[in-house]
Amino acid sequence: MSVLILFCLKKFYRTAIKGNIELSLIEAKLLKELIVNVGHTVDASTMMQLIWQRDDPYSRNSLHGFIHKLRHYLRHDQSISLINQRGIGYMLTIKA
């Protein structure tokens, strides 16, 4: 596991402990995919295939809902951003 991925996990863990956050299985899978690809856009279709094994409008709406929840959990740490790459996917960024 790369140093950057470990850094991201440690940073999220500290944020989660402060906020007393418990992630659902889907939230955890999405966050893991974003952390593994930190600094790079993860295609929305890839994320939907990972979670629901399909890419359709209903899955896309659900994905938006789960991303919204993750942003809500991460809002206390200003150094973590979950950016929407319109029409493409999402990117997790961490400022050191």
N, C-alpha and C. Protein backbone atom coordinates (compact mmCIF):
# COMPACT_ATOMS: atom_id res chain seq x y z
N MET A 1 0.86 -1.18 0.00
CA MET A 1 0.00 0.00 0.00
C MET A 1 0.90 1.23 0.00
N SER A 2 0.58 2.20 -0.83
CA SER A 2 1.44 3.37 -0.95
C SER A 2 1.34 4.26 0.29
N VAL A 3 2.35 5.08 0.47
CA VAL A 3 2.39 6.01 1.59
C VAL A 3 1.22 6.99 1.50
N LEU A 4 0.90 7.44 0.29
CA LEU A 4 -0.20 8.39 0.10
C LEU A 4 -1.53 7.78 0.52
N ILE A 5 -1.76 6.53 0.17
CA ILE A 5 -3.01 5.86 0.55
C ILE A 5 -3.08 5.72 2.07
N LEU A 6 -1.97 5.35 2.70
CA LEU A 6 -1.95 5.23 4.16
C LEU A 6 -2.21 6.58 4.82
N PHE A 7 -1.62 7.64 4.24
CA PHE A 7 -1.84 8.99 4.75
C PHE A 7 -3.33 9.34 4.69
N CYS A 8 -3.97 9.05 3.57
CA CYS A 8 -5.40 9.35 3.39
C CYS A 8 -6.25 8.57 4.39
N LEU A 9 -5.94 7.30 4.56
CA LEU A 9 -6.70 6.48 5.50
C LEU A 9 -6.55 7.01 6.93
N LYS A 10 -5.33 7.37 7.30
CA LYS A 10 -5.07 7.89 8.64
C LYS A 10 -5.82 9.21 8.85
N LYS A 11 -5.81 10.06 7.84
CA LYS A 11 -6.49 11.35 7.91
C LYS A 11 -8.00 11.15 8.06
N PHE A 12 -8.57 10.25 7.25
CA PHE A 12 -10.00 9.99 7.35
C PHE A 12 -10.33 9.38 8.71
N TYR A 13 -9.49 8.47 9.20
CA TYR A 13 -9.74 7.83 10.48
C TYR A 13 -9.83 8.87 11.59
N ARG A 14 -8.91 9.84 11.59
CA ARG A 14 -8.95 10.90 12.60
C ARG A 14 -10.24 11.71 12.48
N THR A 15 -10.65 12.02 11.26
CA THR A 15 -11.89 12.77 11.03
C THR A 15 -13.09 11.95 11.50
N ALA A 16 -13.10 10.65 11.22
CA ALA A 16 -14.21 9.77 11.59
C ALA A 16 -14.33 9.65 13.10
N ILE A 17 -13.20 9.54 13.79
CA ILE A 17 -13.23 9.40 15.25
C ILE A 17 -13.82 10.67 15.88
N LYS A 18 -13.40 11.84 15.40
CA LYS A 18 -13.91 13.11 15.94
C LYS A 18 -15.42 13.22 15.75
N GLY A 19 -15.91 12.81 14.60
CA GLY A 19 -17.33 12.94 14.29
C GLY A 19 -18.15 11.74 14.68
N ASN A 20 -17.53 10.70 15.27
CA ASN A 20 -18.22 9.47 15.64
C ASN A 20 -18.99 8.90 14.44
N ILE A 21 -18.29 8.71 13.33
CA ILE A 21 -18.90 8.29 12.07
C ILE A 21 -18.84 6.78 11.92
N GLU A 22 -19.97 6.20 11.52
CA GLU A 22 -20.01 4.79 11.14
C GLU A 22 -20.48 4.74 9.69
N LEU A 23 -19.63 4.22 8.81
CA LEU A 23 -19.97 4.15 7.40
C LEU A 23 -20.78 2.89 7.10
N SER A 24 -21.70 3.02 6.16
CA SER A 24 -22.38 1.84 5.64
C SER A 24 -21.40 1.09 4.74
N LEU A 25 -21.75 -0.11 4.35
CA LEU A 25 -20.89 -0.90 3.46
C LEU A 25 -20.68 -0.17 2.13
N ILE A 26 -21.73 0.40 1.57
CA ILE A 26 -21.61 1.11 0.30
C ILE A 26 -20.73 2.34 0.45
N GLU A 27 -20.93 3.11 1.52
CA GLU A 27 -20.09 4.29 1.76
C GLU A 27 -18.63 3.89 1.90
N ALA A 28 -18.37 2.81 2.60
CA ALA A 28 -16.99 2.34 2.79
C ALA A 28 -16.37 1.92 1.47
N LYS A 29 -17.13 1.22 0.62
CA LYS A 29 -16.60 0.80 -0.68
C LYS A 29 -16.28 2.00 -1.56
N LEU A 30 -17.18 2.99 -1.57
CA LEU A 30 -16.95 4.19 -2.37
C LEU A 30 -15.73 4.96 -1.86
N LEU A 31 -15.64 5.12 -0.55
CA LEU A 31 -14.51 5.84 0.02
C LEU A 31 -13.20 5.12 -0.26
N LYS A 32 -13.22 3.80 -0.16
CA LYS A 32 -12.01 3.03 -0.45
C LYS A 32 -11.55 3.27 -1.89
N GLU A 33 -12.49 3.23 -2.82
CA GLU A 33 -12.16 3.44 -4.24
C GLU A 33 -11.59 4.85 -4.45
N LEU A 34 -12.16 5.83 -3.78
CA LEU A 34 -11.67 7.21 -3.90
C LEU A 34 -10.28 7.36 -3.28
N ILE A 35 -10.05 6.71 -2.13
CA ILE A 35 -8.75 6.79 -1.47
C ILE A 35 -7.67 6.10 -2.30
N VAL A 36 -7.98 4.95 -2.85
CA VAL A 36 -7.00 4.22 -3.68
C VAL A 36 -6.60 5.07 -4.90
N ASN A 37 -7.53 5.90 -5.36
CA ASN A 37 -7.28 6.74 -6.54
C ASN A 37 -7.15 8.22 -6.18
N VAL A 38 -6.70 8.52 -4.97
CA VAL A 38 -6.62 9.91 -4.50
C VAL A 38 -5.85 10.77 -5.50
N GLY A 39 -6.42 11.94 -5.79
CA GLY A 39 -5.81 12.86 -6.74
C GLY A 39 -6.16 12.57 -8.19
N HIS A 40 -6.92 11.51 -8.43
CA HIS A 40 -7.33 11.12 -9.78
C HIS A 40 -8.85 10.97 -9.81
N THR A 41 -9.43 11.30 -10.94
CA THR A 41 -10.88 11.17 -11.09
C THR A 41 -11.26 9.70 -11.23
N VAL A 42 -12.24 9.29 -10.43
CA VAL A 42 -12.80 7.94 -10.54
C VAL A 42 -14.10 8.07 -11.32
N ASP A 43 -14.18 7.38 -12.43
CA ASP A 43 -15.33 7.42 -13.31
C ASP A 43 -16.59 6.98 -12.55
N ALA A 44 -17.67 7.74 -12.71
CA ALA A 44 -18.93 7.40 -12.04
C ALA A 44 -19.43 6.02 -12.46
N SER A 45 -19.28 5.68 -13.72
CA SER A 45 -19.71 4.35 -14.20
C SER A 45 -18.95 3.24 -13.49
N THR A 46 -17.67 3.45 -13.27
CA THR A 46 -16.84 2.46 -12.56
C THR A 46 -17.35 2.27 -11.14
N MET A 47 -17.69 3.37 -10.49
CA MET A 47 -18.18 3.29 -9.11
C MET A 47 -19.52 2.57 -9.05
N MET A 48 -20.40 2.85 -10.02
CA MET A 48 -21.71 2.19 -10.03
C MET A 48 -21.57 0.70 -10.31
N GLN A 49 -20.68 0.34 -11.20
CA GLN A 49 -20.43 -1.09 -11.48
C GLN A 49 -19.88 -1.78 -10.23
N LEU A 50 -19.01 -1.10 -9.50
CA LEU A 50 -18.43 -1.66 -8.28
C LEU A 50 -19.50 -1.95 -7.22
N ILE A 51 -20.44 -1.04 -7.07
CA ILE A 51 -21.45 -1.16 -6.02
C ILE A 51 -22.68 -1.95 -6.46
N TRP A 52 -23.25 -1.59 -7.60
CA TRP A 52 -24.53 -2.16 -8.02
C TRP A 52 -24.44 -3.08 -9.23
N GLN A 53 -23.26 -3.27 -9.79
CA GLN A 53 -23.05 -4.09 -10.98
C GLN A 53 -23.87 -3.63 -12.18
N ARG A 54 -24.19 -2.34 -12.23
CA ARG A 54 -24.88 -1.77 -13.39
C ARG A 54 -24.69 -0.26 -13.39
N ASP A 55 -24.91 0.33 -14.55
CA ASP A 55 -24.82 1.78 -14.72
C ASP A 55 -26.11 2.24 -15.36
N ASP A 56 -27.01 2.75 -14.55
CA ASP A 56 -28.29 3.25 -15.05
C ASP A 56 -28.66 4.51 -14.27
N PRO A 57 -29.67 5.25 -14.72
CA PRO A 57 -30.03 6.51 -14.04
C PRO A 57 -30.36 6.35 -12.56
N TYR A 58 -30.96 5.23 -12.18
CA TYR A 58 -31.31 5.01 -10.78
C TYR A 58 -30.05 4.85 -9.94
N SER A 59 -29.08 4.11 -10.48
CA SER A 59 -27.81 3.94 -9.77
C SER A 59 -27.09 5.28 -9.66
N ARG A 60 -27.16 6.08 -10.71
CA ARG A 60 -26.48 7.38 -10.71
C ARG A 60 -27.07 8.28 -9.61
N ASN A 61 -28.39 8.28 -9.45
CA ASN A 61 -29.01 9.07 -8.39
C ASN A 61 -28.59 8.57 -7.01
N SER A 62 -28.53 7.26 -6.86
CA SER A 62 -28.08 6.69 -5.59
C SER A 62 -26.62 7.07 -5.31
N LEU A 63 -25.79 7.00 -6.35
CA LEU A 63 -24.38 7.37 -6.20
C LEU A 63 -24.27 8.81 -5.71
N HIS A 64 -25.03 9.72 -6.31
CA HIS A 64 -25.01 11.12 -5.88
C HIS A 64 -25.38 11.24 -4.40
N GLY A 65 -26.36 10.47 -3.97
CA GLY A 65 -26.77 10.49 -2.56
C GLY A 65 -25.67 10.03 -1.63
N PHE A 66 -24.98 8.96 -2.00
CA PHE A 66 -23.89 8.46 -1.15
C PHE A 66 -22.70 9.41 -1.14
N ILE A 67 -22.40 10.04 -2.27
CA ILE A 67 -21.33 11.03 -2.33
C ILE A 67 -21.68 12.21 -1.42
N HIS A 68 -22.94 12.62 -1.44
CA HIS A 68 -23.40 13.71 -0.57
C HIS A 68 -23.15 13.35 0.91
N LYS A 69 -23.47 12.11 1.28
CA LYS A 69 -23.23 11.66 2.66
C LYS A 69 -21.74 11.69 3.01
N LEU A 70 -20.90 11.22 2.09
CA LEU A 70 -19.46 11.24 2.35
C LEU A 70 -18.96 12.68 2.53
N ARG A 71 -19.44 13.58 1.70
CA ARG A 71 -19.05 15.00 1.85
C ARG A 71 -19.48 15.52 3.22
N HIS A 72 -20.65 15.13 3.65
CA HIS A 72 -21.16 15.55 4.95
C HIS A 72 -20.23 15.04 6.07
N TYR A 73 -19.80 13.80 5.98
CA TYR A 73 -18.91 13.22 6.99
C TYR A 73 -17.56 13.94 7.01
N LEU A 74 -17.09 14.33 5.83
CA LEU A 74 -15.75 14.91 5.70
C LEU A 74 -15.72 16.42 5.89
N ARG A 75 -16.83 17.03 6.11
CA ARG A 75 -16.91 18.50 6.13
C ARG A 75 -16.09 19.14 7.24
N HIS A 76 -15.78 18.41 8.31
CA HIS A 76 -15.03 18.97 9.44
C HIS A 76 -13.55 19.15 9.15
N ASP A 77 -13.05 18.45 8.16
CA ASP A 77 -11.62 18.55 7.82
C ASP A 77 -11.48 19.30 6.50
N GLN A 78 -11.07 20.55 6.58
CA GLN A 78 -10.97 21.42 5.41
C GLN A 78 -9.90 20.97 4.42
N SER A 79 -9.01 20.08 4.84
CA SER A 79 -7.94 19.63 3.94
C SER A 79 -8.39 18.49 3.03
N ILE A 80 -9.58 17.93 3.27
CA ILE A 80 -10.11 16.84 2.44
C ILE A 80 -11.23 17.40 1.57
N SER A 81 -11.13 17.18 0.27
CA SER A 81 -12.18 17.63 -0.66
C SER A 81 -12.62 16.47 -1.53
N LEU A 82 -13.91 16.39 -1.77
CA LEU A 82 -14.49 15.41 -2.68
C LEU A 82 -15.10 16.20 -3.82
N ILE A 83 -14.40 16.22 -4.94
CA ILE A 83 -14.73 17.10 -6.06
C ILE A 83 -15.50 16.35 -7.14
N ASN A 84 -16.57 16.99 -7.62
CA ASN A 84 -17.35 16.45 -8.73
C ASN A 84 -16.70 16.89 -10.04
N GLN A 85 -16.29 15.95 -10.86
CA GLN A 85 -15.80 16.23 -12.20
C GLN A 85 -17.01 16.04 -13.12
N ARG A 86 -17.72 17.12 -13.37
CA ARG A 86 -19.01 17.08 -14.04
C ARG A 86 -19.01 16.20 -15.30
N GLY A 87 -19.95 15.25 -15.32
CA GLY A 87 -20.10 14.35 -16.45
C GLY A 87 -19.09 13.22 -16.50
N ILE A 88 -18.16 13.20 -15.54
CA ILE A 88 -17.11 12.17 -15.55
C ILE A 88 -17.16 11.31 -14.29
N GLY A 89 -16.95 11.93 -13.14
CA GLY A 89 -16.90 11.18 -11.90
C GLY A 89 -16.52 12.07 -10.73
N TYR A 90 -15.77 11.49 -9.79
CA TYR A 90 -15.42 12.18 -8.55
C TYR A 90 -13.94 12.01 -8.25
N MET A 91 -13.38 13.02 -7.57
CA MET A 91 -11.97 12.97 -7.19
C MET A 91 -11.83 13.40 -5.73
N LEU A 92 -11.09 12.60 -4.99
CA LEU A 92 -10.75 12.91 -3.60
C LEU A 92 -9.39 13.61 -3.61
N THR A 93 -9.33 14.77 -2.96
CA THR A 93 -8.04 15.47 -2.84
C THR A 93 -7.75 15.71 -1.37
N ILE A 94 -6.47 15.66 -1.05
CA ILE A 94 -6.02 15.88 0.31
C ILE A 94 -4.90 16.92 0.27
N LYS A 95 -5.06 17.97 1.05
CA LYS A 95 -3.99 18.97 1.18
C LYS A 95 -3.14 18.58 2.38
N ALA A 96 -1.85 18.52 2.19
CA ALA A 96 -0.94 18.11 3.27
C ALA A 96 -0.82 19.16 4.35
